[in-house]
Amino acid sequence: MKWYTHLTCITLILAATSRFFPLTLGSILFSLIGSLLPDLLEPWLGLPHRSRYMHNFATGAFLSSLGIFSEYFLALGVGYLHHLVLDATTATGIYIFNHRVRGPLRNNNLWHNLLIILIHLIPSTLIILG
């Protein structure tokens, strides 16, 4: 998915979550950063896009497990895992350890990106308006 899809969808999830739990500015910012982190780390580390290290569910789970130390690690991990879930719906997919998981959507297709946003928009709006 495109960067704007990742940011829009995590923002919708955060808005819906805020109805039930108070969110700090730090946890919101770290969730937003986490939602882009796999795509940001790859060029910084000289890895190919959709590398088996950064686009791996195990990496996201490890990052989330650091949430026992800080709410910011948890927020970063949640954003990271959400990024991976969205990317798992695309044809290039993600990894779960050494197994590749792929979906039918194309990450460069505007309509596929809008479909994912719409899938997030409807339940989030219902929760927010509750």
Protein backbone atom coordinates (compact mmCIF):
# COMPACT_ATOMS: atom_id res chain seq x y z
CA MET A 1 0.00 0.00 0.00
CA LYS A 2 1.03 3.60 -0.45
CA TRP A 3 2.27 5.77 2.41
CA TYR A 4 -0.94 7.81 2.45
CA THR A 5 -2.98 4.63 2.88
CA HIS A 6 -0.87 3.54 5.84
CA LEU A 7 -1.16 6.95 7.53
CA THR A 8 -4.89 7.35 6.85
CA CYS A 9 -5.76 3.87 8.09
CA ILE A 10 -3.72 4.08 11.31
CA THR A 11 -5.23 7.52 11.96
CA LEU A 12 -8.72 6.05 11.63
CA ILE A 13 -7.81 3.24 14.01
CA LEU A 14 -6.37 5.71 16.52
CA ALA A 15 -9.50 7.86 16.31
CA ALA A 16 -11.70 4.84 17.00
CA THR A 17 -9.42 3.62 19.79
CA SER A 18 -9.46 7.03 21.47
CA ARG A 19 -13.17 6.53 22.10
CA PHE A 20 -12.29 3.78 24.59
CA PHE A 21 -8.75 4.61 25.78
CA PRO A 22 -7.04 7.94 26.32
CA LEU A 23 -4.14 8.30 23.89
CA THR A 24 -1.12 10.46 24.59
CA LEU A 25 0.49 12.61 21.94
CA GLY A 26 3.57 10.38 22.17
CA SER A 27 1.64 7.17 21.54
CA ILE A 28 -0.14 8.77 18.58
CA LEU A 29 3.14 9.97 17.05
CA PHE A 30 4.87 6.63 17.61
CA SER A 31 1.92 4.77 16.02
CA LEU A 32 2.12 7.05 12.98
CA ILE A 33 5.89 6.53 12.72
CA GLY A 34 5.45 2.78 13.16
CA SER A 35 2.95 2.70 10.32
CA LEU A 36 5.68 3.95 7.95
CA LEU A 37 8.72 2.38 9.63
CA PRO A 38 9.16 -0.77 7.49
CA ASP A 39 9.33 1.33 4.32
CA LEU A 40 11.59 3.95 5.95
CA LEU A 41 14.10 1.49 7.42
CA GLU A 42 14.77 -0.47 4.23
CA PRO A 43 16.53 2.31 2.28
CA TRP A 44 18.29 3.56 5.43
CA LEU A 45 19.69 0.07 6.04
CA GLY A 46 20.45 -0.56 2.35
CA LEU A 47 17.90 -3.38 2.12
CA PRO A 48 15.70 -4.06 -0.90
CA HIS A 49 12.05 -3.02 -0.71
CA ARG A 50 9.90 -5.67 0.98
CA SER A 51 12.95 -7.35 2.44
CA ARG A 52 12.39 -10.47 4.47
CA TYR A 53 13.78 -8.68 7.52
CA MET A 54 11.78 -5.46 7.67
CA HIS A 55 8.53 -6.75 6.13
CA ASN A 56 8.43 -9.70 8.51
CA PHE A 57 5.72 -10.35 11.05
CA ALA A 58 8.36 -11.65 13.48
CA THR A 59 10.09 -8.24 13.44
CA GLY A 60 6.81 -6.49 14.19
CA ALA A 61 5.95 -8.95 16.96
CA PHE A 62 9.38 -8.44 18.55
CA LEU A 63 9.00 -4.68 18.38
CA SER A 64 5.54 -4.90 19.96
CA SER A 65 6.85 -7.15 22.72
CA LEU A 66 9.13 -4.30 23.78
CA GLY A 67 5.89 -2.63 24.86
CA ILE A 68 6.43 -4.18 28.29
CA PHE A 69 9.08 -1.49 28.75
CA SER A 70 7.27 1.53 27.34
CA GLU A 71 3.92 2.52 25.86
CA TYR A 72 5.88 4.13 23.03
CA PHE A 73 7.41 0.81 21.97
CA LEU A 74 3.94 -0.70 22.06
CA ALA A 75 2.55 2.12 19.90
CA LEU A 76 5.47 1.77 17.48
CA GLY A 77 4.90 -1.97 17.30
CA VAL A 78 1.16 -1.61 16.73
CA GLY A 79 1.78 0.82 13.86
CA TYR A 80 4.45 -1.50 12.44
CA LEU A 81 2.18 -4.56 12.62
CA HIS A 82 -0.68 -2.65 11.05
CA HIS A 83 1.62 -1.70 8.16
CA LEU A 84 2.43 -5.38 7.68
CA VAL A 85 -1.23 -6.43 7.76
CA LEU A 86 -2.02 -3.93 5.02
CA ASP A 87 0.97 -5.03 2.95
CA ALA A 88 -0.08 -8.68 3.34
CA THR A 89 -3.12 -7.86 1.18
CA THR A 90 -0.87 -6.92 -1.76
CA ALA A 91 0.63 -9.14 -4.43
CA THR A 92 4.18 -8.53 -3.18
CA GLY A 93 3.13 -9.49 0.35
CA ILE A 94 5.08 -9.87 3.57
CA TYR A 95 6.89 -12.62 5.44
CA ILE A 96 5.90 -14.59 8.49
CA PHE A 97 9.31 -15.91 9.43
CA ASN A 98 10.41 -17.51 6.11
CA HIS A 99 6.93 -17.98 4.64
CA ARG A 100 5.64 -15.36 2.21
CA VAL A 101 2.02 -14.21 2.53
CA ARG A 102 0.45 -12.44 -0.44
CA GLY A 103 -2.92 -11.02 -1.35
CA PRO A 104 -4.69 -10.00 -4.56
CA LEU A 105 -4.32 -6.20 -4.34
CA ARG A 106 -1.76 -4.03 -6.14
CA ASN A 107 -0.02 -1.43 -4.00
CA ASN A 108 0.27 1.07 -6.90
CA ASN A 109 -3.41 0.85 -7.81
CA LEU A 110 -5.29 3.92 -6.56
CA TRP A 111 -8.59 2.00 -6.35
CA HIS A 112 -7.03 -0.74 -4.24
CA ASN A 113 -5.63 1.87 -1.85
CA LEU A 114 -9.02 3.60 -1.65
CA LEU A 115 -10.72 0.25 -1.00
CA ILE A 116 -8.45 -0.38 2.01
CA ILE A 117 -9.15 3.13 3.32
CA LEU A 118 -12.89 2.59 2.89
CA ILE A 119 -12.66 -0.73 4.74
CA HIS A 120 -11.13 1.20 7.66
CA LEU A 121 -13.40 4.24 7.34
CA ILE A 122 -16.77 2.55 7.76
CA PRO A 123 -16.20 0.71 11.08
CA SER A 124 -14.10 3.57 12.49
CA THR A 125 -16.87 6.06 11.75
CA LEU A 126 -19.46 3.79 13.35
CA ILE A 127 -17.31 3.45 16.47
CA ILE A 128 -16.55 7.16 16.68
CA LEU A 129 -20.20 8.15 16.25
CA GLY A 130 -21.20 5.19 18.45
